[in-house]
Amino acid sequence: MRAPTIRLTGPELTLYVLIAALFWLLRTWYWDITSEEVFSDMSDFQYMANCIVHHFCFWWNDFFQTYSPPTVAVLRATQMVLFGESMLAWRIFSATILFSGVVWLALEIRHLRFGRVLGPLLFASVALSKPSIFWSLKLSREGVGEAFTYLTIAGILFALRNRNAWSAMLAGGVMIAGVLVRGSAAPLVILIPLYLLLDGRSSNPARRRATLAGWFLFGMMLVWSPWLIRSYRLYGAVVPLSTQAPYAFFWDLGFVTITLEDGSTITTSAATLQDEAPKNFANDYEASVYANRLVRLWIAEHGAKLPAIMWNRLLHTVSEREVHLTQVPRDRLLPEPVNFALIDKSELFVALGLVGYLFALALSPRYLLFLLAATVPWVNAGILVGYGRMLEPSLTVILFGNVAGLAGLIALVRRRSASTAKVDLN
């Protein structure tokens, strides 16, 4: 089945060009007036990218060989080979990926009800997004994760329109590349194929849905399998994403005391576990297995506290605007009044955005994809590490739920009015 061609009218094209100009103007202005050296996590991604370019290895350092999923470093390595090692080249390269993703998504939204209005609104929201502009300066998961949020949703919408093998494989490959940016998106590996299987339109019988889901999974495995095979060759065991998850769980708990199976206790922390791992284990996989064991023991002992801890962490991702490990301010990016006009997180509008998607489903069941792609990585990361940056790759899509929900509410009112009018005529 061939998807309908997207043709923009003259006014629509003009609007998209103006929003695109705004997107690039704000980011290049911010890059011009802001300077930040590569440090901490950014240095680790740079080390990994250099390792890929010169030795085709994916080490975080000499010991942690699978500490981080590969997509960010692979993109940085690709950009270094093509355009050189400057950070400006990275900023342009990564912003181009994000720009392509949001434009693609805006055009896909155009096929949904009210899409001619909602598509440009999403595009403009990204152009004006303060977190998006802030992270565009850095070599980080957050900026790349935001780009793949848009690319993932757009790819799946594209596959659902085309319903053929190559579009489903493309969507699956794009999504798993995004999961290999943010491991917290891993539940999508199950949820999205289920969505494709249960997409119950009368014109799409079960066999066709299953075929589409199968091609989607095949595309996922084409991209994912080299990473899985690599880990098996390194450790004799498959590491689906990375070895860092247990350290993330302990990160904001500080020092914890854990009772071992034999009744003895140890006091440790995420930083201590990571620092001592090279001395105590042959590789980072063995160290991660040990740290996972400590996580399970801590949960068994303190499980009653866990829901409150996770809930507080999640709330903190919404309220916190400070960013750890940064050398530049996040609150003031550009001179006033431009800085005031930028869109930032708000507890109220995050909550309304989530509720709004329930109304947006009145426009199309496709909006469930937006909700899944944005909330699953955020919630999964937020309950592990309560830093504000865990929300920011998903923020614009969640805030978009406000306008999509309003459009859905209007559709519901119109539908109710039409039903009432029909009853009156009868």
Protein backbone atom coordinates (compact mmCIF):
# COMPACT_ATOMS: atom_id res chain seq x y z
CA MET A 1 0.00 0.00 0.00
CA ARG A 2 1.40 3.38 -0.96
CA ALA A 3 1.01 6.28 1.46
CA PRO A 4 -0.64 9.49 0.29
CA THR A 5 1.87 12.11 -0.82
CA ILE A 6 2.31 15.10 1.47
CA ARG A 7 1.78 18.33 -0.47
CA LEU A 8 1.99 21.63 1.37
CA THR A 9 0.01 24.63 0.21
CA GLY A 10 1.84 27.92 -0.39
CA PRO A 11 0.84 29.44 2.99
CA GLU A 12 1.74 26.20 4.79
CA LEU A 13 5.16 26.09 3.15
CA THR A 14 5.77 29.72 4.09
CA LEU A 15 4.84 28.98 7.70
CA TYR A 16 7.19 25.98 7.86
CA VAL A 17 10.04 28.05 6.38
CA LEU A 18 9.48 30.79 8.99
CA ILE A 19 9.46 28.28 11.85
CA ALA A 20 12.59 26.63 10.43
CA ALA A 21 14.32 30.02 10.34
CA LEU A 22 13.33 30.58 13.97
CA PHE A 23 14.63 27.12 14.93
CA TRP A 24 18.07 27.76 13.47
CA LEU A 25 18.29 31.42 14.48
CA LEU A 26 17.74 30.72 18.17
CA ARG A 27 20.19 27.83 18.28
CA THR A 28 23.00 29.47 16.34
CA TRP A 29 22.56 32.64 18.43
CA TYR A 30 22.85 30.59 21.62
CA TRP A 31 25.94 28.77 20.32
CA ASP A 32 27.54 32.08 19.36
CA ILE A 33 27.17 33.69 22.80
CA THR A 34 27.78 30.57 24.95
CA SER A 35 30.98 28.62 25.41
CA GLU A 36 31.42 25.31 27.21
CA GLU A 37 34.32 22.89 27.13
CA VAL A 38 33.75 19.15 26.86
CA PHE A 39 33.87 17.64 30.37
CA SER A 40 32.52 14.81 32.55
CA ASP A 41 29.87 12.76 30.67
CA MET A 42 30.63 14.67 27.48
CA SER A 43 34.30 13.68 27.78
CA ASP A 44 33.25 10.05 28.14
CA PHE A 45 31.15 10.22 24.95
CA GLN A 46 34.12 11.86 23.22
CA TYR A 47 36.44 9.09 24.42
CA MET A 48 34.01 6.49 23.12
CA ALA A 49 33.70 8.28 19.76
CA ASN A 50 37.49 8.46 19.41
CA CYS A 51 37.65 4.77 20.23
CA ILE A 52 35.15 4.03 17.44
CA VAL A 53 36.98 6.18 14.89
CA HIS A 54 40.47 4.89 15.59
CA HIS A 55 39.95 1.32 16.84
CA PHE A 56 36.27 0.52 16.18
CA CYS A 57 35.67 -0.21 19.85
CA PHE A 58 32.89 1.09 22.08
CA TRP A 59 34.63 1.50 25.39
CA TRP A 60 33.54 4.12 27.93
CA ASN A 61 37.01 3.70 29.43
CA ASP A 62 39.53 0.88 29.76
CA PHE A 63 37.33 -1.11 32.17
CA PHE A 64 33.74 -0.12 31.37
CA GLN A 65 33.41 -1.48 27.84
CA THR A 66 29.60 -1.54 27.67
CA TYR A 67 28.77 1.19 30.17
CA SER A 68 26.76 3.25 27.71
CA PRO A 69 24.55 2.34 24.73
CA PRO A 70 26.27 3.26 21.46
CA THR A 71 24.06 5.64 19.46
CA VAL A 72 25.35 8.99 20.77
CA ALA A 73 28.99 7.97 20.34
CA VAL A 74 28.33 6.45 16.90
CA LEU A 75 26.73 9.69 15.74
CA ARG A 76 29.62 11.75 17.13
CA ALA A 77 32.12 9.40 15.45
CA THR A 78 30.24 9.67 12.14
CA GLN A 79 30.24 13.45 12.36
CA MET A 80 33.98 13.47 13.19
CA VAL A 81 34.79 11.37 10.12
CA LEU A 82 32.60 13.47 7.82
CA PHE A 83 33.07 17.00 9.16
CA GLY A 84 35.95 17.07 11.64
CA GLU A 85 36.19 17.11 15.40
CA SER A 86 34.93 20.60 16.27
CA MET A 87 32.02 20.96 18.66
CA LEU A 88 30.36 23.41 16.27
CA ALA A 89 30.25 20.64 13.67
CA TRP A 90 28.62 18.38 16.27
CA ARG A 91 26.06 21.03 17.17
CA ILE A 92 25.06 21.55 13.55
CA PHE A 93 25.04 17.80 12.86
CA SER A 94 22.93 16.84 15.90
CA ALA A 95 20.58 19.82 15.43
CA THR A 96 20.06 18.74 11.82
CA ILE A 97 19.00 15.28 12.99
CA LEU A 98 16.59 16.84 15.49
CA PHE A 99 15.29 19.30 12.87
CA SER A 100 14.69 16.46 10.40
CA GLY A 101 12.86 14.46 13.05
CA VAL A 102 10.49 17.21 14.11
CA VAL A 103 9.73 18.28 10.53
CA TRP A 104 9.00 14.68 9.59
CA LEU A 105 6.73 14.34 12.61
CA ALA A 106 4.93 17.61 11.90
CA LEU A 107 4.25 16.42 8.34
CA GLU A 108 2.98 13.07 9.62
CA ILE A 109 0.67 14.86 12.06
CA ARG A 110 -0.78 16.66 9.04
CA HIS A 111 -2.55 13.39 8.13
CA LEU A 112 -4.39 13.38 11.46
CA ARG A 113 -7.48 15.40 12.29
CA PHE A 114 -6.63 19.09 12.90
CA GLY A 115 -3.14 18.15 11.70
CA ARG A 116 -2.68 21.22 9.51
CA VAL A 117 -2.79 23.28 12.70
CA LEU A 118 -1.21 20.87 15.17
CA GLY A 119 1.83 20.01 13.01
CA PRO A 120 3.16 23.58 12.81
CA LEU A 121 2.34 24.12 16.49
CA LEU A 122 4.55 21.18 17.47
CA PHE A 123 7.31 22.43 15.16
CA ALA A 124 7.11 25.93 16.66
CA SER A 125 7.13 24.51 20.20
CA VAL A 126 10.38 22.68 19.48
CA ALA A 127 11.89 25.79 17.89
CA LEU A 128 11.10 27.77 21.07
CA SER A 129 11.90 25.02 23.58
CA LYS A 130 14.40 26.20 26.19
CA PRO A 131 15.60 22.65 27.09
CA SER A 132 16.00 21.81 23.40
CA ILE A 133 18.14 24.90 22.81
CA PHE A 134 20.14 24.29 26.00
CA TRP A 135 20.99 20.67 25.17
CA SER A 136 21.84 21.53 21.55
CA LEU A 137 25.11 22.97 22.88
CA LYS A 138 26.27 19.68 24.35
CA LEU A 139 27.47 16.23 23.39
CA SER A 140 24.81 14.47 25.42
CA ARG A 141 22.05 11.88 25.56
CA GLU A 142 19.41 14.54 26.12
CA GLY A 143 19.69 16.34 22.77
CA VAL A 144 20.02 13.12 20.78
CA GLY A 145 17.28 11.50 22.85
CA GLU A 146 14.92 14.36 21.98
CA ALA A 147 15.68 13.93 18.28
CA PHE A 148 14.93 10.21 18.42
CA THR A 149 11.67 10.83 20.27
CA TYR A 150 10.42 12.71 17.19
CA LEU A 151 12.00 10.28 14.75
CA THR A 152 10.46 7.27 16.54
CA ILE A 153 6.91 8.65 16.48
CA ALA A 154 7.24 9.87 12.90
CA GLY A 155 8.67 6.54 11.74
CA ILE A 156 5.82 4.55 13.28
CA LEU A 157 3.17 6.89 11.85
CA PHE A 158 4.87 6.57 8.46
CA ALA A 159 4.85 2.77 8.71
CA LEU A 160 1.17 2.77 9.66
CA ARG A 161 0.37 4.89 6.62
CA ASN A 162 2.43 2.82 4.18
CA ARG A 163 1.87 -0.64 5.70
CA ASN A 164 4.71 -2.25 3.80
CA ALA A 165 7.88 -4.07 4.77
CA TRP A 166 10.47 -1.38 4.17
CA SER A 167 8.61 1.35 6.08
CA ALA A 168 8.05 -0.98 9.06
CA MET A 169 11.73 -2.01 9.03
CA LEU A 170 12.75 1.65 8.90
CA ALA A 171 10.49 2.47 11.86
CA GLY A 172 11.82 -0.47 13.87
CA GLY A 173 15.43 0.42 13.15
CA VAL A 174 14.90 4.07 14.08
CA MET A 175 13.15 3.15 17.31
CA ILE A 176 15.83 0.75 18.51
CA ALA A 177 18.50 3.32 17.66
CA GLY A 178 16.60 5.63 20.01
CA VAL A 179 16.47 2.94 22.70
CA LEU A 180 20.26 2.70 22.32
CA VAL A 181 20.40 6.40 23.19
CA ARG A 182 18.26 6.16 26.32
CA GLY A 183 18.02 2.68 27.76
CA SER A 184 14.98 3.83 29.74
CA ALA A 185 13.01 3.58 26.48
CA ALA A 186 13.48 -0.22 26.47
CA PRO A 187 9.81 -1.06 27.32
CA LEU A 188 8.90 0.36 23.91
CA VAL A 189 10.51 -2.75 22.43
CA ILE A 190 7.43 -4.63 23.69
CA LEU A 191 4.79 -1.89 23.74
CA ILE A 192 5.11 -0.66 20.14
CA PRO A 193 4.89 -4.10 18.46
CA LEU A 194 1.86 -4.77 20.68
CA TYR A 195 0.33 -1.51 19.51
CA LEU A 196 0.90 -2.54 15.89
CA LEU A 197 -0.69 -5.93 16.55
CA LEU A 198 -3.73 -4.45 18.30
CA ASP A 199 -4.28 -1.57 15.88
CA GLY A 200 -7.85 -2.72 15.35
CA ARG A 201 -9.05 -0.96 12.23
CA SER A 202 -11.58 -2.86 10.19
CA SER A 203 -9.57 -2.32 7.01
CA ASN A 204 -6.49 -3.91 8.59
CA PRO A 205 -7.10 -7.58 9.37
CA ALA A 206 -5.10 -9.40 12.02
CA ARG A 207 -2.81 -11.06 9.49
CA ARG A 208 -1.77 -7.73 7.98
CA ARG A 209 -1.18 -6.23 11.43
CA ALA A 210 0.93 -9.22 12.44
CA THR A 211 2.97 -8.92 9.24
CA LEU A 212 3.61 -5.23 9.87
CA ALA A 213 4.66 -5.94 13.46
CA GLY A 214 6.93 -8.74 12.21
CA TRP A 215 8.74 -6.45 9.77
CA PHE A 216 9.02 -3.83 12.52
CA LEU A 217 10.69 -6.38 14.80
CA PHE A 218 12.97 -7.47 11.95
CA GLY A 219 14.09 -3.86 11.44
CA MET A 220 14.74 -3.58 15.15
CA MET A 221 16.91 -6.68 15.17
CA LEU A 222 18.93 -5.57 12.14
CA VAL A 223 20.08 -2.53 14.08
CA TRP A 224 20.22 -4.13 17.53
CA SER A 225 21.89 -7.47 16.75
CA PRO A 226 25.47 -6.13 16.24
CA TRP A 227 25.35 -4.67 19.76
CA LEU A 228 23.98 -7.92 21.21
CA ILE A 229 26.55 -10.04 19.37
CA ARG A 230 29.36 -7.76 20.52
CA SER A 231 28.40 -8.15 24.18
CA TYR A 232 28.17 -11.92 23.85
CA ARG A 233 31.64 -12.06 22.31
CA LEU A 234 33.02 -9.89 25.11
CA TYR A 235 31.38 -11.55 28.12
CA GLY A 236 29.81 -14.81 26.99
CA ALA A 237 26.48 -13.24 27.94
CA VAL A 238 24.10 -10.85 26.20
CA VAL A 239 23.94 -7.27 27.49
CA PRO A 240 20.86 -5.77 25.78
CA LEU A 241 21.70 -2.12 26.49
CA SER A 242 24.47 -1.31 28.96
CA THR A 243 26.01 -2.18 32.31
CA GLN A 244 25.24 1.07 34.14
CA ALA A 245 21.62 0.59 35.31
CA PRO A 246 22.31 -0.65 38.89
CA TYR A 247 24.62 2.28 39.58
CA ALA A 248 21.89 4.67 38.44
CA PHE A 249 19.49 3.14 40.95
CA PHE A 250 21.83 3.92 43.87
CA TRP A 251 23.02 7.27 42.56
CA ASP A 252 20.88 9.69 44.56
CA LEU A 253 20.58 7.44 47.62
CA GLY A 254 24.13 8.23 48.67
CA PHE A 255 25.69 5.62 50.96
CA VAL A 256 23.40 2.65 51.64
CA THR A 257 23.75 -0.27 54.03
CA ILE A 258 22.79 -3.63 52.53
CA THR A 259 22.32 -6.97 54.29
CA LEU A 260 23.85 -9.82 52.30
CA GLU A 261 22.51 -13.37 52.06
CA ASP A 262 24.82 -14.58 54.85
CA GLY A 263 23.58 -11.90 57.25
CA SER A 264 26.63 -9.67 57.01
CA THR A 265 26.25 -6.03 55.92
CA ILE A 266 28.12 -3.69 53.63
CA THR A 267 27.91 0.07 53.25
CA THR A 268 28.49 1.38 49.76
CA SER A 269 27.34 3.88 47.12
CA ALA A 270 27.10 4.11 43.35
CA ALA A 271 30.38 5.99 43.11
CA THR A 272 32.13 3.52 45.42
CA LEU A 273 30.87 0.52 43.45
CA GLN A 274 32.11 2.04 40.20
CA ASP A 275 35.47 3.08 41.64
CA GLU A 276 36.12 -0.35 43.15
CA ALA A 277 34.82 -2.39 40.21
CA PRO A 278 38.13 -2.54 38.25
CA LYS A 279 39.89 -3.91 41.35
CA ASN A 280 37.29 -6.55 42.18
CA PHE A 281 36.01 -7.85 38.83
CA ALA A 282 37.38 -9.04 35.53
CA ASN A 283 35.05 -6.82 33.49
CA ASP A 284 32.16 -4.39 33.79
CA TYR A 285 29.57 -7.11 33.10
CA GLU A 286 30.62 -9.04 36.22
CA ALA A 287 30.63 -5.78 38.19
CA SER A 288 27.13 -4.98 36.92
CA VAL A 289 25.84 -8.44 37.90
CA TYR A 290 27.18 -7.85 41.41
CA ALA A 291 25.65 -4.35 41.59
CA ASN A 292 22.30 -5.72 40.36
CA ARG A 293 22.45 -8.30 43.14
CA LEU A 294 22.91 -5.48 45.67
CA VAL A 295 19.95 -3.62 44.18
CA ARG A 296 17.73 -6.69 44.62
CA LEU A 297 18.90 -7.15 48.22
CA TRP A 298 18.30 -3.48 49.03
CA ILE A 299 14.79 -3.66 47.54
CA ALA A 300 14.03 -6.82 49.49
CA GLU A 301 15.00 -5.03 52.69
CA HIS A 302 13.55 -1.58 51.96
CA GLY A 303 10.79 -2.39 49.48
CA ALA A 304 8.13 -0.58 51.51
CA LYS A 305 10.00 2.70 50.98
CA LEU A 306 10.50 2.18 47.26
CA PRO A 307 7.16 3.54 45.90
CA ALA A 308 7.60 6.81 47.79
CA ILE A 309 11.23 7.13 46.67
CA MET A 310 10.30 6.53 43.03
CA TRP A 311 7.34 8.90 43.17
CA ASN A 312 9.46 11.67 44.70
CA ARG A 313 12.14 11.12 42.09
CA LEU A 314 9.58 11.39 39.31
CA LEU A 315 8.09 14.59 40.73
CA HIS A 316 11.59 16.04 41.04
CA THR A 317 12.19 15.56 37.32
CA VAL A 318 9.29 17.93 36.68
CA SER A 319 10.09 20.57 39.29
CA GLU A 320 13.89 20.72 38.98
CA ARG A 321 15.28 23.19 36.46
CA GLU A 322 18.89 23.06 37.53
CA VAL A 323 21.16 20.74 35.58
CA HIS A 324 23.93 18.74 37.19
CA LEU A 325 27.24 18.58 35.35
CA THR A 326 26.95 21.80 33.38
CA GLN A 327 29.23 24.83 33.19
CA VAL A 328 26.63 27.19 31.73
CA PRO A 329 23.29 28.38 33.17
CA ARG A 330 20.09 26.73 32.04
CA ASP A 331 17.67 29.45 33.09
CA ARG A 332 19.08 32.34 31.01
CA LEU A 333 20.03 31.26 27.49
CA LEU A 334 19.41 34.40 25.45
CA PRO A 335 18.91 38.11 26.18
CA GLU A 336 15.51 39.34 27.30
CA PRO A 337 12.77 39.50 26.14
CA VAL A 338 13.64 36.54 23.88
CA ASN A 339 14.60 34.35 26.83
CA PHE A 340 11.22 35.03 28.46
CA ALA A 341 9.43 33.87 25.30
CA LEU A 342 11.09 30.44 25.35
CA ILE A 343 9.01 27.45 26.44
CA ASP A 344 10.12 25.67 29.61
CA LYS A 345 8.79 22.96 31.89
CA SER A 346 5.87 23.66 34.17
CA GLU A 347 4.34 21.24 36.65
CA LEU A 348 0.85 22.39 35.68
CA PHE A 349 1.31 22.08 31.93
CA VAL A 350 3.11 18.75 32.18
CA ALA A 351 0.11 17.38 34.08
CA LEU A 352 -2.37 18.97 31.67
CA GLY A 353 -0.39 17.63 28.72
CA LEU A 354 -0.64 14.08 30.01
CA VAL A 355 -4.38 14.46 30.59
CA GLY A 356 -4.72 16.17 27.23
CA TYR A 357 -3.64 13.05 25.39
CA LEU A 358 -6.73 11.29 26.73
CA PHE A 359 -8.84 13.85 24.84
CA ALA A 360 -6.49 13.74 21.84
CA LEU A 361 -7.47 10.11 21.36
CA ALA A 362 -10.83 11.48 20.19
CA LEU A 363 -8.94 12.85 17.17
CA SER A 364 -7.01 9.67 16.47
CA PRO A 365 -5.83 6.55 18.34
CA ARG A 366 -2.40 7.42 16.92
CA TYR A 367 -1.91 9.90 19.76
CA LEU A 368 -1.33 6.93 22.04
CA LEU A 369 2.01 6.60 20.26
CA PHE A 370 2.95 10.13 21.31
CA LEU A 371 2.06 9.35 24.91
CA LEU A 372 4.03 6.09 24.94
CA ALA A 373 7.12 7.44 23.19
CA ALA A 374 7.32 10.44 25.51
CA THR A 375 6.29 9.06 28.90
CA VAL A 376 7.87 5.59 28.93
CA PRO A 377 11.51 6.79 28.74
CA TRP A 378 10.81 9.68 31.12
CA VAL A 379 9.01 7.63 33.79
CA ASN A 380 11.46 4.74 33.55
CA ALA A 381 14.46 7.07 33.92
CA GLY A 382 12.76 9.33 36.44
CA ILE A 383 12.00 6.60 38.96
CA LEU A 384 15.67 5.55 38.86
CA VAL A 385 17.35 8.97 38.88
CA GLY A 386 15.30 12.01 39.87
CA TYR A 387 17.23 14.59 37.88
CA GLY A 388 15.34 17.21 35.87
CA ARG A 389 17.14 16.28 32.70
CA MET A 390 15.38 12.89 32.66
CA LEU A 391 12.19 14.65 31.51
CA GLU A 392 13.67 17.08 29.04
CA PRO A 393 14.03 14.88 25.92
CA SER A 394 10.30 14.15 26.22
CA LEU A 395 9.15 17.55 27.42
CA THR A 396 7.95 19.13 24.18
CA VAL A 397 5.93 16.07 23.16
CA ILE A 398 4.29 15.99 26.61
CA LEU A 399 3.49 19.72 26.47
CA PHE A 400 2.08 19.17 22.98
CA GLY A 401 -0.63 17.16 24.73
CA ASN A 402 -2.11 20.48 25.86
CA VAL A 403 -2.96 21.64 22.34
CA ALA A 404 -3.72 18.15 21.02
CA GLY A 405 -6.05 17.63 23.98
CA LEU A 406 -7.78 20.95 23.33
CA ALA A 407 -8.32 19.93 19.71
CA GLY A 408 -9.67 16.59 20.90
CA LEU A 409 -12.04 18.33 23.29
CA ILE A 410 -13.32 20.51 20.43
CA ALA A 411 -13.84 17.37 18.34
CA LEU A 412 -15.79 15.73 21.17
CA VAL A 413 -18.01 18.80 21.58
CA ARG A 414 -18.69 18.94 17.85
CA ARG A 415 -19.48 15.26 17.79
CA ARG A 416 -21.86 15.63 20.72
CA SER A 417 -23.53 18.65 19.10
CA ALA A 418 -23.95 16.77 15.82
CA SER A 419 -25.48 13.78 17.66
CA THR A 420 -27.88 16.07 19.53
CA ALA A 421 -28.90 17.80 16.31
CA LYS A 422 -29.52 14.45 14.64
CA VAL A 423 -31.70 13.29 17.52
CA ASP A 424 -33.69 16.53 17.35
CA LEU A 425 -34.27 16.06 13.61
CA ASN A 426 -35.57 12.54 14.20
